[in-house]
N, C-alpha and C. Protein backbone atom coordinates (compact mmCIF):
# COMPACT_ATOMS: atom_id res chain seq x y z
N MET A 1 8.37 -19.61 18.76
CA MET A 1 9.54 -18.84 18.39
C MET A 1 10.70 -19.85 18.22
N GLY A 2 11.36 -19.81 17.09
CA GLY A 2 12.44 -20.77 16.84
C GLY A 2 13.78 -20.14 17.32
N ASP A 3 14.78 -20.96 17.16
CA ASP A 3 16.15 -20.49 17.51
C ASP A 3 16.65 -19.51 16.43
N HIS A 4 17.46 -18.57 16.84
CA HIS A 4 17.99 -17.57 15.96
C HIS A 4 19.51 -17.41 16.16
N VAL A 5 20.13 -16.85 15.17
CA VAL A 5 21.56 -16.52 15.21
C VAL A 5 21.63 -15.02 15.13
N TYR A 6 22.47 -14.42 15.97
CA TYR A 6 22.62 -12.95 15.99
C TYR A 6 24.05 -12.58 15.68
N LYS A 7 24.21 -11.35 15.23
CA LYS A 7 25.51 -10.81 14.92
C LYS A 7 25.60 -9.42 15.55
N MET A 8 26.80 -9.03 15.93
CA MET A 8 26.95 -7.64 16.46
C MET A 8 28.01 -6.94 15.65
N VAL A 9 27.76 -5.63 15.45
CA VAL A 9 28.68 -4.80 14.72
C VAL A 9 28.93 -3.55 15.61
N GLU A 10 30.09 -3.00 15.42
CA GLU A 10 30.46 -1.79 16.17
C GLU A 10 30.39 -0.61 15.25
N LEU A 11 29.72 0.45 15.73
CA LEU A 11 29.52 1.66 14.96
C LEU A 11 30.04 2.84 15.79
N VAL A 12 30.39 3.91 15.11
CA VAL A 12 30.79 5.16 15.79
C VAL A 12 29.91 6.26 15.24
N GLY A 13 29.07 6.89 16.08
CA GLY A 13 28.23 8.00 15.68
C GLY A 13 28.88 9.24 16.23
N SER A 14 28.63 10.36 15.48
CA SER A 14 29.15 11.66 15.97
C SER A 14 28.09 12.71 15.83
N SER A 15 28.24 13.76 16.64
CA SER A 15 27.26 14.84 16.69
C SER A 15 27.91 16.06 17.31
N ARG A 16 27.49 17.24 16.90
CA ARG A 16 27.86 18.46 17.54
C ARG A 16 26.89 18.78 18.70
N GLU A 17 25.74 18.10 18.72
CA GLU A 17 24.64 18.43 19.64
C GLU A 17 24.73 17.71 20.96
N SER A 18 24.83 16.32 20.89
CA SER A 18 24.76 15.59 22.19
C SER A 18 25.18 14.15 22.02
N ILE A 19 25.43 13.45 23.06
CA ILE A 19 25.75 12.04 23.06
C ILE A 19 24.56 11.25 22.49
N GLU A 20 23.38 11.61 22.90
CA GLU A 20 22.16 10.92 22.47
C GLU A 20 22.01 11.11 20.90
N ASP A 21 22.29 12.29 20.42
CA ASP A 21 22.19 12.51 18.93
C ASP A 21 23.22 11.65 18.22
N ALA A 22 24.42 11.54 18.79
CA ALA A 22 25.45 10.69 18.15
C ALA A 22 25.01 9.24 18.05
N ILE A 23 24.34 8.75 19.12
CA ILE A 23 23.83 7.38 19.09
C ILE A 23 22.80 7.23 18.04
N ASN A 24 21.82 8.17 18.04
CA ASN A 24 20.77 8.14 17.05
C ASN A 24 21.25 8.24 15.62
N GLN A 25 22.29 9.04 15.37
CA GLN A 25 22.89 9.15 14.06
C GLN A 25 23.45 7.82 13.57
N ALA A 26 24.12 7.14 14.50
CA ALA A 26 24.72 5.83 14.08
C ALA A 26 23.72 4.77 13.81
N ILE A 27 22.71 4.70 14.64
CA ILE A 27 21.64 3.66 14.46
C ILE A 27 20.78 4.00 13.18
N ALA A 28 20.48 5.25 12.97
CA ALA A 28 19.69 5.63 11.82
C ALA A 28 20.40 5.29 10.53
N ARG A 29 21.68 5.64 10.50
CA ARG A 29 22.45 5.33 9.29
C ARG A 29 22.61 3.80 9.08
N ALA A 30 22.85 3.10 10.14
CA ALA A 30 22.98 1.62 9.98
C ALA A 30 21.67 0.95 9.51
N SER A 31 20.55 1.55 9.91
CA SER A 31 19.27 1.01 9.58
C SER A 31 19.00 1.00 8.03
N ASN A 32 19.77 1.79 7.33
CA ASN A 32 19.65 1.83 5.84
C ASN A 32 20.11 0.53 5.19
N THR A 33 21.06 -0.21 5.88
CA THR A 33 21.62 -1.40 5.29
C THR A 33 21.54 -2.64 6.18
N ILE A 34 21.25 -2.43 7.45
CA ILE A 34 21.18 -3.61 8.38
C ILE A 34 19.72 -3.80 8.80
N ARG A 35 19.23 -5.02 8.54
CA ARG A 35 17.87 -5.35 8.97
C ARG A 35 17.83 -6.05 10.29
N HIS A 36 16.73 -6.12 10.96
CA HIS A 36 16.47 -6.83 12.20
C HIS A 36 17.38 -6.40 13.33
N MET A 37 17.68 -5.15 13.43
CA MET A 37 18.46 -4.65 14.58
C MET A 37 17.51 -4.72 15.84
N GLY A 38 18.12 -5.14 16.92
CA GLY A 38 17.26 -5.37 18.10
C GLY A 38 17.74 -4.68 19.41
N TRP A 39 19.06 -4.37 19.46
CA TRP A 39 19.55 -3.77 20.68
C TRP A 39 20.85 -3.00 20.39
N PHE A 40 21.24 -2.16 21.33
CA PHE A 40 22.58 -1.50 21.21
C PHE A 40 23.17 -1.37 22.64
N GLU A 41 24.49 -1.20 22.63
CA GLU A 41 25.19 -1.07 23.86
C GLU A 41 26.26 0.03 23.70
N VAL A 42 26.27 1.02 24.51
CA VAL A 42 27.31 2.07 24.43
C VAL A 42 28.62 1.55 25.02
N VAL A 43 29.65 1.52 24.28
CA VAL A 43 30.92 0.95 24.83
C VAL A 43 31.99 2.06 24.97
N GLU A 44 31.87 3.16 24.37
CA GLU A 44 32.84 4.22 24.57
C GLU A 44 32.24 5.61 24.25
N THR A 45 32.60 6.62 25.01
CA THR A 45 32.12 7.95 24.75
C THR A 45 33.36 8.84 24.79
N ARG A 46 33.48 9.72 23.77
CA ARG A 46 34.60 10.63 23.83
C ARG A 46 34.13 11.95 23.06
N GLY A 47 35.00 12.94 23.13
CA GLY A 47 34.60 14.19 22.45
C GLY A 47 35.81 15.01 22.17
N HIS A 48 35.53 16.13 21.52
CA HIS A 48 36.53 17.08 21.10
C HIS A 48 36.24 18.42 21.78
N ILE A 49 37.31 19.07 22.30
CA ILE A 49 37.16 20.31 23.02
C ILE A 49 37.82 21.47 22.26
N GLU A 50 37.09 22.53 22.13
CA GLU A 50 37.60 23.75 21.50
C GLU A 50 37.28 24.91 22.42
N ASP A 51 38.28 25.77 22.67
CA ASP A 51 38.13 26.94 23.47
C ASP A 51 37.46 26.66 24.81
N GLY A 52 37.82 25.59 25.46
CA GLY A 52 37.35 25.20 26.76
C GLY A 52 35.93 24.73 26.77
N ARG A 53 35.35 24.31 25.64
CA ARG A 53 33.95 23.84 25.59
C ARG A 53 33.94 22.59 24.76
N VAL A 54 32.92 21.73 25.02
CA VAL A 54 32.71 20.56 24.21
C VAL A 54 32.21 20.98 22.80
N ALA A 55 32.93 20.60 21.78
CA ALA A 55 32.66 21.00 20.45
C ALA A 55 31.99 19.83 19.64
N HIS A 56 32.32 18.60 20.01
CA HIS A 56 31.85 17.43 19.25
C HIS A 56 31.82 16.22 20.16
N TYR A 57 30.81 15.41 19.95
CA TYR A 57 30.66 14.15 20.69
C TYR A 57 30.91 12.98 19.73
N GLN A 58 31.50 11.92 20.20
CA GLN A 58 31.68 10.69 19.43
C GLN A 58 31.40 9.53 20.34
N VAL A 59 30.49 8.64 19.91
CA VAL A 59 30.08 7.50 20.74
C VAL A 59 30.19 6.21 19.92
N THR A 60 30.90 5.22 20.55
CA THR A 60 30.98 3.91 19.95
C THR A 60 29.90 3.01 20.48
N VAL A 61 29.07 2.46 19.62
CA VAL A 61 28.01 1.53 20.10
C VAL A 61 28.11 0.19 19.44
N ARG A 62 27.79 -0.87 20.13
CA ARG A 62 27.66 -2.20 19.53
C ARG A 62 26.17 -2.40 19.28
N VAL A 63 25.82 -2.83 18.04
CA VAL A 63 24.46 -3.09 17.68
C VAL A 63 24.27 -4.55 17.35
N GLY A 64 23.30 -5.13 17.94
CA GLY A 64 22.98 -6.57 17.62
C GLY A 64 21.81 -6.69 16.72
N PHE A 65 21.94 -7.61 15.80
CA PHE A 65 20.82 -7.83 14.85
C PHE A 65 20.73 -9.38 14.55
N ARG A 66 19.48 -9.78 14.23
CA ARG A 66 19.23 -11.20 13.89
C ARG A 66 19.53 -11.46 12.48
N LEU A 67 20.29 -12.57 12.25
CA LEU A 67 20.59 -12.96 10.83
C LEU A 67 19.39 -13.61 10.22
N GLU A 68 19.19 -13.34 8.96
CA GLU A 68 18.06 -13.90 8.26
C GLU A 68 18.25 -15.43 8.04
N GLU A 69 17.16 -16.14 8.00
CA GLU A 69 17.24 -17.60 7.80
C GLU A 69 17.63 -17.92 6.37
């Protein structure tokens, strides 16, 4: 295995269903244009409240990927 260079990008996923779904939405969408993704880190979680209930989740994730040679 040779040496590699990695890059990290920050994404924000959103979902009405769950935090996990918000993460999955962000990663799935990014996979359409970013290759070689290898890990993610949740850096912020927030949401929207309506009528005393959670109505929407928003999660900021950092995604790391290997740059092509």
